[in-house]
Amino acid sequence: MQKGNAQKGLLMEIEGNRRAILSGCRGILTYTESQIRMRTEGGAVSVYGSGLEMGCMTVDGATVCGRLQRIEFEEGTD
């Protein structure tokens, strides 16, 4: 088992620069038009862009829509 792996348990499907489907999320940490940050098993994942919004949210996943510019992973976020 890897320690501190922000991607652990996270599955992402990216459709161009307009939509990202994330499975394995454990809640929303930040929600603005330019950043959506979600908790994962090993840390957090942030989607940056413009006009961002949640297209769909389930118990363990989310769809982020808008103009996606970058995705970052953080390790060990509480």
C-alpha atoms as a PDB file:
ATOM      1  CA  MET A   1       0.000   0.000   0.000  1.00  0.00           C
ATOM      2  CA  GLN A   2       1.376   3.409  -0.970  1.00  0.00           C
ATOM      3  CA  LYS A   3       1.333   6.197   1.594  1.00  0.00           C
ATOM      4  CA  GLY A   4       0.476   9.774   0.628  1.00  0.00           C
ATOM      5  CA  ASN A   5      -0.854   8.989  -2.828  1.00  0.00           C
ATOM      6  CA  ALA A   6      -3.367  11.739  -3.705  1.00  0.00           C
ATOM      7  CA  GLN A   7      -4.575   9.705  -6.689  1.00  0.00           C
ATOM      8  CA  LYS A   8      -5.369   6.581  -4.612  1.00  0.00           C
ATOM      9  CA  GLY A   9      -8.945   5.496  -5.267  1.00  0.00           C
ATOM     10  CA  LEU A  10      -9.513   8.278  -7.813  1.00  0.00           C
ATOM     11  CA  LEU A  11     -10.634   7.563 -11.358  1.00  0.00           C
ATOM     12  CA  MET A  12     -10.872  10.454 -13.830  1.00  0.00           C
ATOM     13  CA  GLU A  13     -12.349  10.672 -17.291  1.00  0.00           C
ATOM     14  CA  ILE A  14     -11.619  13.909 -19.141  1.00  0.00           C
ATOM     15  CA  GLU A  15     -13.611  14.978 -22.189  1.00  0.00           C
ATOM     16  CA  GLY A  16     -11.547  17.587 -24.007  1.00  0.00           C
ATOM     17  CA  ASN A  17     -11.204  20.746 -21.962  1.00  0.00           C
ATOM     18  CA  ARG A  18     -14.927  21.009 -21.126  1.00  0.00           C
ATOM     19  CA  ARG A  19     -15.748  18.198 -18.694  1.00  0.00           C
ATOM     20  CA  ALA A  20     -14.095  15.944 -16.113  1.00  0.00           C
ATOM     21  CA  ILE A  21     -15.837  13.007 -14.464  1.00  0.00           C
ATOM     22  CA  LEU A  22     -14.244  12.062 -11.141  1.00  0.00           C
ATOM     23  CA  SER A  23     -15.027   8.869  -9.196  1.00  0.00           C
ATOM     24  CA  GLY A  24     -13.671   8.313  -5.710  1.00  0.00           C
ATOM     25  CA  CYS A  25     -14.239  11.815  -4.309  1.00  0.00           C
ATOM     26  CA  ARG A  26     -15.107  12.220  -0.641  1.00  0.00           C
ATOM     27  CA  GLY A  27     -16.528  15.741  -0.571  1.00  0.00           C
ATOM     28  CA  ILE A  28     -16.096  19.279  -1.833  1.00  0.00           C
ATOM     29  CA  LEU A  29     -13.430  21.451  -0.178  1.00  0.00           C
ATOM     30  CA  THR A  30     -13.568  24.529  -2.452  1.00  0.00           C
ATOM     31  CA  TYR A  31     -16.171  25.582  -4.995  1.00  0.00           C
ATOM     32  CA  THR A  32     -15.674  28.740  -7.068  1.00  0.00           C
ATOM     33  CA  GLU A  33     -15.987  29.549 -10.778  1.00  0.00           C
ATOM     34  CA  SER A  34     -12.208  29.182 -11.154  1.00  0.00           C
ATOM     35  CA  GLN A  35     -11.441  26.225  -8.813  1.00  0.00           C
ATOM     36  CA  ILE A  36     -13.237  23.118  -7.620  1.00  0.00           C
ATOM     37  CA  ARG A  37     -11.255  21.186  -5.030  1.00  0.00           C
ATOM     38  CA  MET A  38     -12.386  17.784  -3.790  1.00  0.00           C
ATOM     39  CA  ARG A  39     -11.164  15.446  -1.062  1.00  0.00           C
ATOM     40  CA  THR A  40      -9.849  12.052  -2.153  1.00  0.00           C
ATOM     41  CA  GLU A  41      -8.705   9.024  -0.172  1.00  0.00           C
ATOM     42  CA  GLY A  42      -5.065  10.135  -0.257  1.00  0.00           C
ATOM     43  CA  GLY A  43      -5.459  13.916  -0.295  1.00  0.00           C
ATOM     44  CA  ALA A  44      -7.252  16.244  -2.678  1.00  0.00           C
ATOM     45  CA  VAL A  45      -7.664  17.036  -6.362  1.00  0.00           C
ATOM     46  CA  SER A  46      -8.221  20.547  -7.741  1.00  0.00           C
ATOM     47  CA  VAL A  47      -9.674  21.410 -11.127  1.00  0.00           C
ATOM     48  CA  TYR A  48      -8.831  24.941 -12.298  1.00  0.00           C
ATOM     49  CA  GLY A  49     -10.420  26.845 -15.157  1.00  0.00           C
ATOM     50  CA  SER A  50     -13.168  29.339 -15.897  1.00  0.00           C
ATOM     51  CA  GLY A  51     -16.919  29.076 -15.586  1.00  0.00           C
ATOM     52  CA  LEU A  52     -16.563  25.876 -13.548  1.00  0.00           C
ATOM     53  CA  GLU A  53     -19.637  24.229 -12.084  1.00  0.00           C
ATOM     54  CA  MET A  54     -20.695  20.866 -10.761  1.00  0.00           C
ATOM     55  CA  GLY A  55     -22.702  19.109 -13.437  1.00  0.00           C
ATOM     56  CA  CYS A  56     -23.577  16.159 -11.199  1.00  0.00           C
ATOM     57  CA  MET A  57     -22.630  14.997  -7.693  1.00  0.00           C
ATOM     58  CA  THR A  58     -23.040  11.478  -6.329  1.00  0.00           C
ATOM     59  CA  VAL A  59     -21.982   9.783  -3.095  1.00  0.00           C
ATOM     60  CA  ASP A  60     -18.482   9.060  -4.433  1.00  0.00           C
ATOM     61  CA  GLY A  61     -18.131  11.134  -7.579  1.00  0.00           C
ATOM     62  CA  ALA A  62     -18.658  14.393  -9.370  1.00  0.00           C
ATOM     63  CA  THR A  63     -18.768  15.924 -12.824  1.00  0.00           C
ATOM     64  CA  VAL A  64     -17.006  19.250 -13.315  1.00  0.00           C
ATOM     65  CA  CYS A  65     -18.053  21.298 -16.336  1.00  0.00           C
ATOM     66  CA  GLY A  66     -16.652  24.530 -17.778  1.00  0.00           C
ATOM     67  CA  ARG A  67     -13.392  25.476 -19.460  1.00  0.00           C
ATOM     68  CA  LEU A  68     -10.795  23.228 -17.805  1.00  0.00           C
ATOM     69  CA  GLN A  69      -7.243  24.585 -17.685  1.00  0.00           C
ATOM     70  CA  ARG A  70      -5.335  22.343 -15.269  1.00  0.00           C
ATOM     71  CA  ILE A  71      -5.709  19.622 -12.658  1.00  0.00           C
ATOM     72  CA  GLU A  72      -3.524  19.363  -9.541  1.00  0.00           C
ATOM     73  CA  PHE A  73      -3.159  16.664  -6.903  1.00  0.00           C
ATOM     74  CA  GLU A  74      -2.331  17.270  -3.220  1.00  0.00           C
ATOM     75  CA  GLU A  75      -1.152  14.647  -0.781  1.00  0.00           C
ATOM     76  CA  GLY A  76      -2.316  14.227   2.800  1.00  0.00           C
ATOM     77  CA  THR A  77      -5.093  16.847   2.900  1.00  0.00           C
ATOM     78  CA  ASP A  78      -7.384  16.442   5.914  1.00  0.00           C
END
